[in-house]
N, C-alpha and C. Protein backbone atom coordinates (compact mmCIF):
# COMPACT_ATOMS: atom_id res chain seq x y z
N MET A 1 -23.33 15.47 -20.15
CA MET A 1 -21.70 15.01 -19.88
C MET A 1 -20.74 14.45 -20.83
N ASN A 2 -19.95 15.30 -21.25
CA ASN A 2 -18.89 14.49 -22.30
C ASN A 2 -18.51 13.04 -22.08
N VAL A 3 -17.82 12.55 -22.62
CA VAL A 3 -16.87 11.44 -22.47
C VAL A 3 -15.80 11.51 -21.40
N GLU A 4 -15.47 12.44 -22.07
CA GLU A 4 -13.75 12.91 -20.96
C GLU A 4 -14.20 13.20 -19.38
N GLN A 5 -15.45 14.02 -19.26
CA GLN A 5 -15.96 13.97 -17.86
C GLN A 5 -16.28 12.91 -17.16
N GLU A 6 -17.05 12.28 -18.17
CA GLU A 6 -17.54 10.63 -17.28
C GLU A 6 -16.13 9.91 -17.27
N ILE A 7 -15.52 9.86 -18.13
CA ILE A 7 -14.05 8.87 -17.40
C ILE A 7 -13.60 9.64 -16.39
N GLY A 8 -13.50 10.85 -16.41
CA GLY A 8 -12.71 11.82 -15.09
C GLY A 8 -13.62 11.21 -13.78
N ALA A 9 -15.03 11.12 -13.75
CA ALA A 9 -15.87 10.62 -12.81
C ALA A 9 -15.69 9.29 -12.50
N LEU A 10 -15.35 8.62 -13.50
CA LEU A 10 -15.29 7.12 -13.11
C LEU A 10 -14.00 6.65 -12.55
N PHE A 11 -12.94 7.59 -12.95
CA PHE A 11 -11.57 7.23 -12.23
C PHE A 11 -11.70 7.74 -10.65
N GLU A 12 -12.38 8.94 -10.41
CA GLU A 12 -12.52 9.24 -9.18
C GLU A 12 -12.94 8.40 -8.52
N LYS A 13 -14.23 7.83 -8.93
CA LYS A 13 -14.86 6.87 -8.00
C LYS A 13 -14.03 5.40 -7.76
N LEU A 14 -12.99 5.50 -8.91
CA LEU A 14 -12.19 3.95 -8.37
C LEU A 14 -10.83 4.34 -7.47
N LYS A 15 -10.53 5.75 -7.48
CA LYS A 15 -9.88 6.18 -6.42
C LYS A 15 -10.21 6.23 -5.27
N ASP A 16 -11.71 6.52 -5.22
CA ASP A 16 -12.08 6.65 -3.97
C ASP A 16 -12.13 4.91 -3.14
N PHE A 17 -12.37 3.85 -4.19
CA PHE A 17 -12.59 2.33 -4.06
C PHE A 17 -11.07 2.11 -3.77
N PHE A 18 -10.01 2.49 -4.34
CA PHE A 18 -8.95 1.38 -4.41
C PHE A 18 -8.01 2.09 -3.17
N HIS A 19 -7.94 1.39 -1.77
CA HIS A 19 -7.36 2.14 -0.86
C HIS A 19 -6.73 0.81 -0.61
N THR A 20 -5.95 1.20 0.79
CA THR A 20 -4.94 -0.13 1.44
C THR A 20 -6.51 -0.93 2.42
N GLU A 21 -7.36 -0.51 2.75
CA GLU A 21 -8.19 -1.45 3.51
C GLU A 21 -8.81 -2.17 2.10
N THR A 22 -9.11 -1.59 1.08
CA THR A 22 -9.30 -2.80 0.05
C THR A 22 -8.67 -3.94 -0.19
N VAL A 23 -7.25 -3.87 -0.27
CA VAL A 23 -6.28 -5.07 -0.33
C VAL A 23 -5.98 -5.74 0.68
N ILE A 24 -5.88 -4.68 2.12
CA ILE A 24 -5.81 -5.46 3.53
C ILE A 24 -7.07 -5.90 4.16
N GLY A 25 -7.87 -6.30 4.27
CA GLY A 25 -9.16 -6.21 4.83
C GLY A 25 -9.19 -6.03 6.54
N GLU A 26 -9.90 -5.88 7.08
CA GLU A 26 -10.35 -5.34 8.52
C GLU A 26 -10.10 -6.91 9.46
N ALA A 27 -9.52 -6.70 10.03
CA ALA A 27 -8.95 -7.73 10.80
C ALA A 27 -10.32 -8.44 11.72
N ILE A 28 -10.20 -9.78 12.06
CA ILE A 28 -11.32 -10.48 12.48
C ILE A 28 -10.66 -10.91 13.70
N GLN A 29 -11.17 -10.95 14.94
CA GLN A 29 -10.74 -11.31 15.97
C GLN A 29 -11.65 -12.76 16.34
N VAL A 30 -11.01 -13.93 16.54
CA VAL A 30 -11.60 -15.02 16.61
C VAL A 30 -10.95 -15.83 18.11
N GLY A 31 -11.63 -15.47 19.11
CA GLY A 31 -10.67 -16.01 20.36
C GLY A 31 -9.29 -15.16 20.53
N ASN A 32 -8.40 -15.64 20.68
CA ASN A 32 -7.14 -14.83 20.97
C ASN A 32 -6.18 -15.34 19.79
N VAL A 33 -6.96 -15.35 18.55
CA VAL A 33 -6.29 -15.70 17.21
C VAL A 33 -7.01 -14.26 16.28
N THR A 34 -6.06 -13.54 15.59
CA THR A 34 -6.59 -12.46 14.29
C THR A 34 -6.07 -13.07 13.11
N LEU A 35 -7.43 -12.91 12.36
CA LEU A 35 -7.51 -12.95 10.54
C LEU A 35 -7.34 -11.80 10.14
N ILE A 36 -6.31 -11.54 9.03
CA ILE A 36 -6.59 -11.00 8.14
C ILE A 36 -6.50 -10.92 6.72
N PRO A 37 -8.09 -10.65 5.93
CA PRO A 37 -7.94 -10.93 4.49
C PRO A 37 -6.85 -10.39 3.47
N VAL A 38 -6.11 -10.80 2.64
CA VAL A 38 -5.50 -9.95 1.77
C VAL A 38 -6.47 -10.45 0.49
N ILE A 39 -6.21 -9.36 -0.38
CA ILE A 39 -7.08 -9.63 -1.30
C ILE A 39 -6.54 -8.91 -2.59
N SER A 40 -6.65 -9.62 -3.98
CA SER A 40 -6.26 -8.87 -4.96
C SER A 40 -7.17 -8.39 -5.86
N ILE A 41 -6.98 -7.18 -6.23
CA ILE A 41 -7.69 -6.63 -7.02
C ILE A 41 -7.32 -6.15 -8.49
N ALA A 42 -7.93 -6.50 -9.59
CA ALA A 42 -7.82 -5.93 -11.16
C ALA A 42 -8.99 -5.38 -11.46
N PHE A 43 -8.50 -4.29 -12.45
CA PHE A 43 -9.42 -3.43 -13.44
C PHE A 43 -8.93 -3.15 -14.32
N GLY A 44 -9.82 -2.70 -15.23
CA GLY A 44 -9.57 -2.01 -16.37
C GLY A 44 -10.52 -0.99 -17.03
N ALA A 45 -10.21 -0.02 -17.85
CA ALA A 45 -11.47 0.73 -18.44
C ALA A 45 -10.87 1.34 -19.93
N GLY A 46 -11.78 1.68 -20.61
CA GLY A 46 -11.78 2.27 -21.67
C GLY A 46 -13.02 3.00 -22.50
N ASN A 47 -12.51 3.67 -23.54
CA ASN A 47 -13.60 4.72 -23.67
C ASN A 47 -13.41 4.83 -25.17
N GLY A 48 -14.01 5.53 -25.71
CA GLY A 48 -13.93 5.88 -27.40
C GLY A 48 -15.17 6.70 -28.00
N SER A 49 -15.17 7.63 -28.87
CA SER A 49 -15.33 8.38 -29.18
C SER A 49 -15.38 8.76 -30.82
N GLY A 50 -16.33 9.18 -31.64
CA GLY A 50 -16.54 9.74 -32.83
C GLY A 50 -17.12 10.22 -32.93
N SER A 51 -16.91 10.87 -34.75
CA SER A 51 -18.01 11.96 -34.78
C SER A 51 -18.27 11.81 -37.08
N GLY A 52 -18.83 11.67 -37.67
CA GLY A 52 -18.96 11.89 -38.82
C GLY A 52 -20.23 12.05 -39.44
N LYS A 53 -20.66 11.86 -40.62
CA LYS A 53 -22.01 12.05 -41.43
C LYS A 53 -22.32 10.79 -41.97
N ASP A 54 -23.61 10.96 -41.87
CA ASP A 54 -24.18 9.81 -42.43
C ASP A 54 -24.26 9.84 -43.67
N ALA A 55 -25.07 9.16 -45.05
CA ALA A 55 -25.21 8.85 -45.71
C ALA A 55 -26.12 10.11 -46.66
N LYS A 56 -26.65 11.01 -45.84
CA LYS A 56 -27.76 11.83 -46.24
C LYS A 56 -26.80 13.14 -45.86
N GLY A 57 -25.78 12.94 -45.56
CA GLY A 57 -24.96 14.37 -45.14
C GLY A 57 -25.15 14.87 -43.96
N ASN A 58 -25.65 14.09 -42.83
CA ASN A 58 -26.28 14.45 -41.72
C ASN A 58 -24.90 14.63 -40.45
N ASP A 59 -24.92 15.46 -39.86
CA ASP A 59 -23.45 15.33 -38.63
C ASP A 59 -24.09 14.39 -37.65
N GLY A 60 -23.20 13.43 -37.02
CA GLY A 60 -23.36 12.81 -35.87
C GLY A 60 -22.13 12.48 -35.33
N SER A 61 -22.29 12.05 -33.74
CA SER A 61 -21.44 12.26 -32.91
C SER A 61 -21.45 11.02 -32.00
N GLY A 62 -20.58 10.36 -31.22
CA GLY A 62 -21.36 9.38 -29.82
C GLY A 62 -19.78 8.95 -29.09
N GLY A 63 -20.13 8.67 -28.20
CA GLY A 63 -18.54 8.18 -27.46
C GLY A 63 -19.33 7.72 -26.25
N GLY A 64 -18.22 6.51 -25.67
CA GLY A 64 -19.16 5.59 -24.15
C GLY A 64 -17.79 5.61 -23.54
N ALA A 65 -18.22 4.77 -22.82
CA ALA A 65 -16.86 4.44 -21.57
C ALA A 65 -17.68 2.99 -20.64
N GLY A 66 -16.46 2.50 -20.34
CA GLY A 66 -16.88 1.08 -19.56
C GLY A 66 -15.59 0.81 -18.64
N ALA A 67 -15.96 -0.23 -17.38
CA ALA A 67 -15.25 -0.07 -16.91
C ALA A 67 -15.07 -1.61 -16.18
N GLY A 68 -14.37 -2.47 -15.79
CA GLY A 68 -14.61 -4.04 -15.10
C GLY A 68 -13.65 -4.29 -14.09
N GLY A 69 -13.83 -5.07 -12.96
CA GLY A 69 -12.99 -5.28 -12.07
C GLY A 69 -13.14 -6.61 -11.71
N ARG A 70 -12.16 -7.06 -10.97
CA ARG A 70 -12.34 -8.44 -10.34
C ARG A 70 -11.64 -8.32 -8.90
N ILE A 71 -12.46 -8.83 -7.64
CA ILE A 71 -11.56 -8.76 -6.51
C ILE A 71 -11.59 -10.32 -5.99
N SER A 72 -10.59 -10.75 -5.77
CA SER A 72 -10.47 -12.11 -5.05
C SER A 72 -9.67 -12.35 -3.97
N PRO A 73 -10.09 -13.33 -2.99
CA PRO A 73 -9.40 -13.41 -1.82
C PRO A 73 -7.97 -13.84 -2.19
N THR A 74 -6.87 -13.42 -1.76
CA THR A 74 -5.74 -14.37 -1.99
C THR A 74 -4.83 -15.24 -0.77
N ALA A 75 -4.90 -14.77 0.29
CA ALA A 75 -4.60 -15.19 1.51
C ALA A 75 -5.14 -15.02 2.74
N VAL A 76 -4.80 -15.39 3.74
CA VAL A 76 -5.38 -14.88 5.07
C VAL A 76 -3.85 -14.87 5.90
N ILE A 77 -4.04 -13.93 6.43
CA ILE A 77 -2.91 -13.72 7.54
C ILE A 77 -3.42 -14.16 9.05
N VAL A 78 -2.58 -15.00 9.71
CA VAL A 78 -2.89 -15.63 10.85
C VAL A 78 -2.04 -14.98 12.37
N ILE A 79 -2.60 -14.19 13.39
CA ILE A 79 -1.37 -14.10 14.13
C ILE A 79 -2.38 -14.37 15.19
N LYS A 80 -1.47 -15.36 15.94
CA LYS A 80 -1.74 -15.81 17.21
C LYS A 80 -0.57 -15.57 18.18
N ASN A 81 -0.49 -15.21 19.48
CA ASN A 81 0.02 -14.77 20.41
C ASN A 81 1.42 -13.92 19.53
N ASP A 82 2.49 -14.08 19.68
CA ASP A 82 3.58 -13.55 18.78
C ASP A 82 4.17 -14.02 17.66
N GLU A 83 3.02 -15.19 16.83
CA GLU A 83 3.29 -16.17 15.92
C GLU A 83 2.42 -15.46 14.51
N VAL A 84 2.92 -14.91 13.51
CA VAL A 84 2.64 -14.80 12.18
C VAL A 84 2.54 -15.95 11.25
N SER A 85 1.80 -16.26 10.66
CA SER A 85 1.60 -17.22 9.34
C SER A 85 0.98 -16.73 8.33
N VAL A 86 1.25 -17.15 7.03
CA VAL A 86 0.22 -16.29 5.98
C VAL A 86 -0.28 -17.70 5.23
N LEU A 87 -1.66 -17.85 5.11
CA LEU A 87 -2.08 -19.38 4.91
C LEU A 87 -2.80 -18.55 3.22
N PRO A 88 -1.84 -19.08 2.23
CA PRO A 88 -2.30 -18.83 0.91
C PRO A 88 -3.39 -19.73 0.64
N LEU A 89 -4.44 -18.67 -0.40
CA LEU A 89 -5.86 -19.57 -0.98
C LEU A 89 -5.09 -19.50 -2.50
N ASN A 90 -4.13 -20.14 -2.78
CA ASN A 90 -4.00 -20.68 -4.09
C ASN A 90 -5.00 -21.28 -5.08
N ASN A 91 -5.12 -20.51 -6.54
CA ASN A 91 -6.37 -21.12 -7.18
C ASN A 91 -7.58 -20.61 -6.52
N ARG A 92 -7.79 -20.19 -5.44
CA ARG A 92 -9.29 -20.06 -4.94
C ARG A 92 -9.58 -18.54 -5.45
N GLY A 93 -10.39 -18.20 -6.58
CA GLY A 93 -10.94 -17.27 -6.98
C GLY A 93 -12.15 -16.91 -6.43
N THR A 94 -13.09 -17.71 -5.90
CA THR A 94 -14.42 -16.83 -5.37
C THR A 94 -14.53 -16.91 -3.94
N LEU A 95 -15.54 -15.95 -3.51
CA LEU A 95 -15.64 -16.58 -2.14
C LEU A 95 -16.29 -17.67 -1.74
N ASP A 96 -16.79 -18.17 -2.25
CA ASP A 96 -17.40 -19.88 -1.66
C ASP A 96 -16.27 -20.54 -1.59
N LYS A 97 -14.94 -20.67 -2.43
CA LYS A 97 -13.92 -21.24 -1.88
C LYS A 97 -13.61 -20.67 -0.51
N LEU A 98 -13.65 -19.62 -0.03
CA LEU A 98 -12.56 -19.12 0.84
C LEU A 98 -13.95 -19.76 2.32
N VAL A 99 -14.95 -19.32 2.16
CA VAL A 99 -16.04 -19.78 2.73
C VAL A 99 -15.54 -21.44 3.22
N GLU A 100 -15.16 -22.06 2.06
CA GLU A 100 -15.42 -23.58 2.18
C GLU A 100 -13.86 -23.84 3.04
N MET A 101 -12.99 -22.98 3.03
CA MET A 101 -11.64 -23.13 4.19
C MET A 101 -12.02 -22.73 5.12
N VAL A 102 -13.26 -22.25 5.70
CA VAL A 102 -13.11 -21.87 6.82
C VAL A 102 -12.98 -22.49 8.40
N PRO A 103 -13.35 -24.02 7.95
CA PRO A 103 -13.44 -24.79 8.88
C PRO A 103 -11.96 -25.87 9.16
N GLU A 104 -11.03 -25.65 8.14
CA GLU A 104 -9.92 -26.10 8.12
C GLU A 104 -8.99 -25.28 8.59
N ILE A 105 -9.11 -23.66 8.17
CA ILE A 105 -8.41 -22.48 9.16
C ILE A 105 -8.67 -22.90 10.43
N VAL A 106 -10.04 -22.75 11.04
CA VAL A 106 -10.09 -22.98 12.52
C VAL A 106 -9.25 -24.05 12.88
N SER A 107 -9.45 -25.38 12.33
CA SER A 107 -8.78 -26.60 12.63
C SER A 107 -7.58 -26.75 12.62
N LYS A 108 -6.74 -25.84 11.80
CA LYS A 108 -5.35 -25.05 12.40
C LYS A 108 -5.25 -24.44 13.38
N ILE A 109 -5.94 -23.76 13.52
CA ILE A 109 -5.66 -22.64 14.78
C ILE A 109 -5.99 -23.61 16.03
N ASN A 110 -7.05 -24.37 15.95
CA ASN A 110 -7.32 -25.38 17.21
C ASN A 110 -6.25 -26.28 17.37
N LYS A 111 -5.50 -26.72 16.30
CA LYS A 111 -4.01 -27.69 16.25
C LYS A 111 -2.87 -27.23 17.34
N ASP A 112 -2.73 -25.84 16.88
CA ASP A 112 -1.52 -24.73 17.46
C ASP A 112 -1.93 -24.45 18.91
N GLN A 113 -3.32 -24.46 19.26
CA GLN A 113 -3.45 -24.18 20.84
C GLN A 113 -2.84 -25.16 21.85
């Protein structure tokens, strides 16, 4: 497979991955409260190729491609009865921080009941 085909395959996979459900997560029902995660996605990709001759006059060529990405939770939409609120997860870039917030979210929900 050449570099152009590899880049095409890479972007096809990315296209399959990035869709609405990736940014707005599946709703989680907790009693009469619905929690909807909002997720931030960033990615980058690059490629390169070249050809030439070595000191002995032999032809050579090469190429490569790479990609990287980051997915992090940014907020939780809370729907209770007819009220909708958004709990931002400012500066909380890891899943661990989101898990740490679960008791806070549950206590806030319980206060409003």
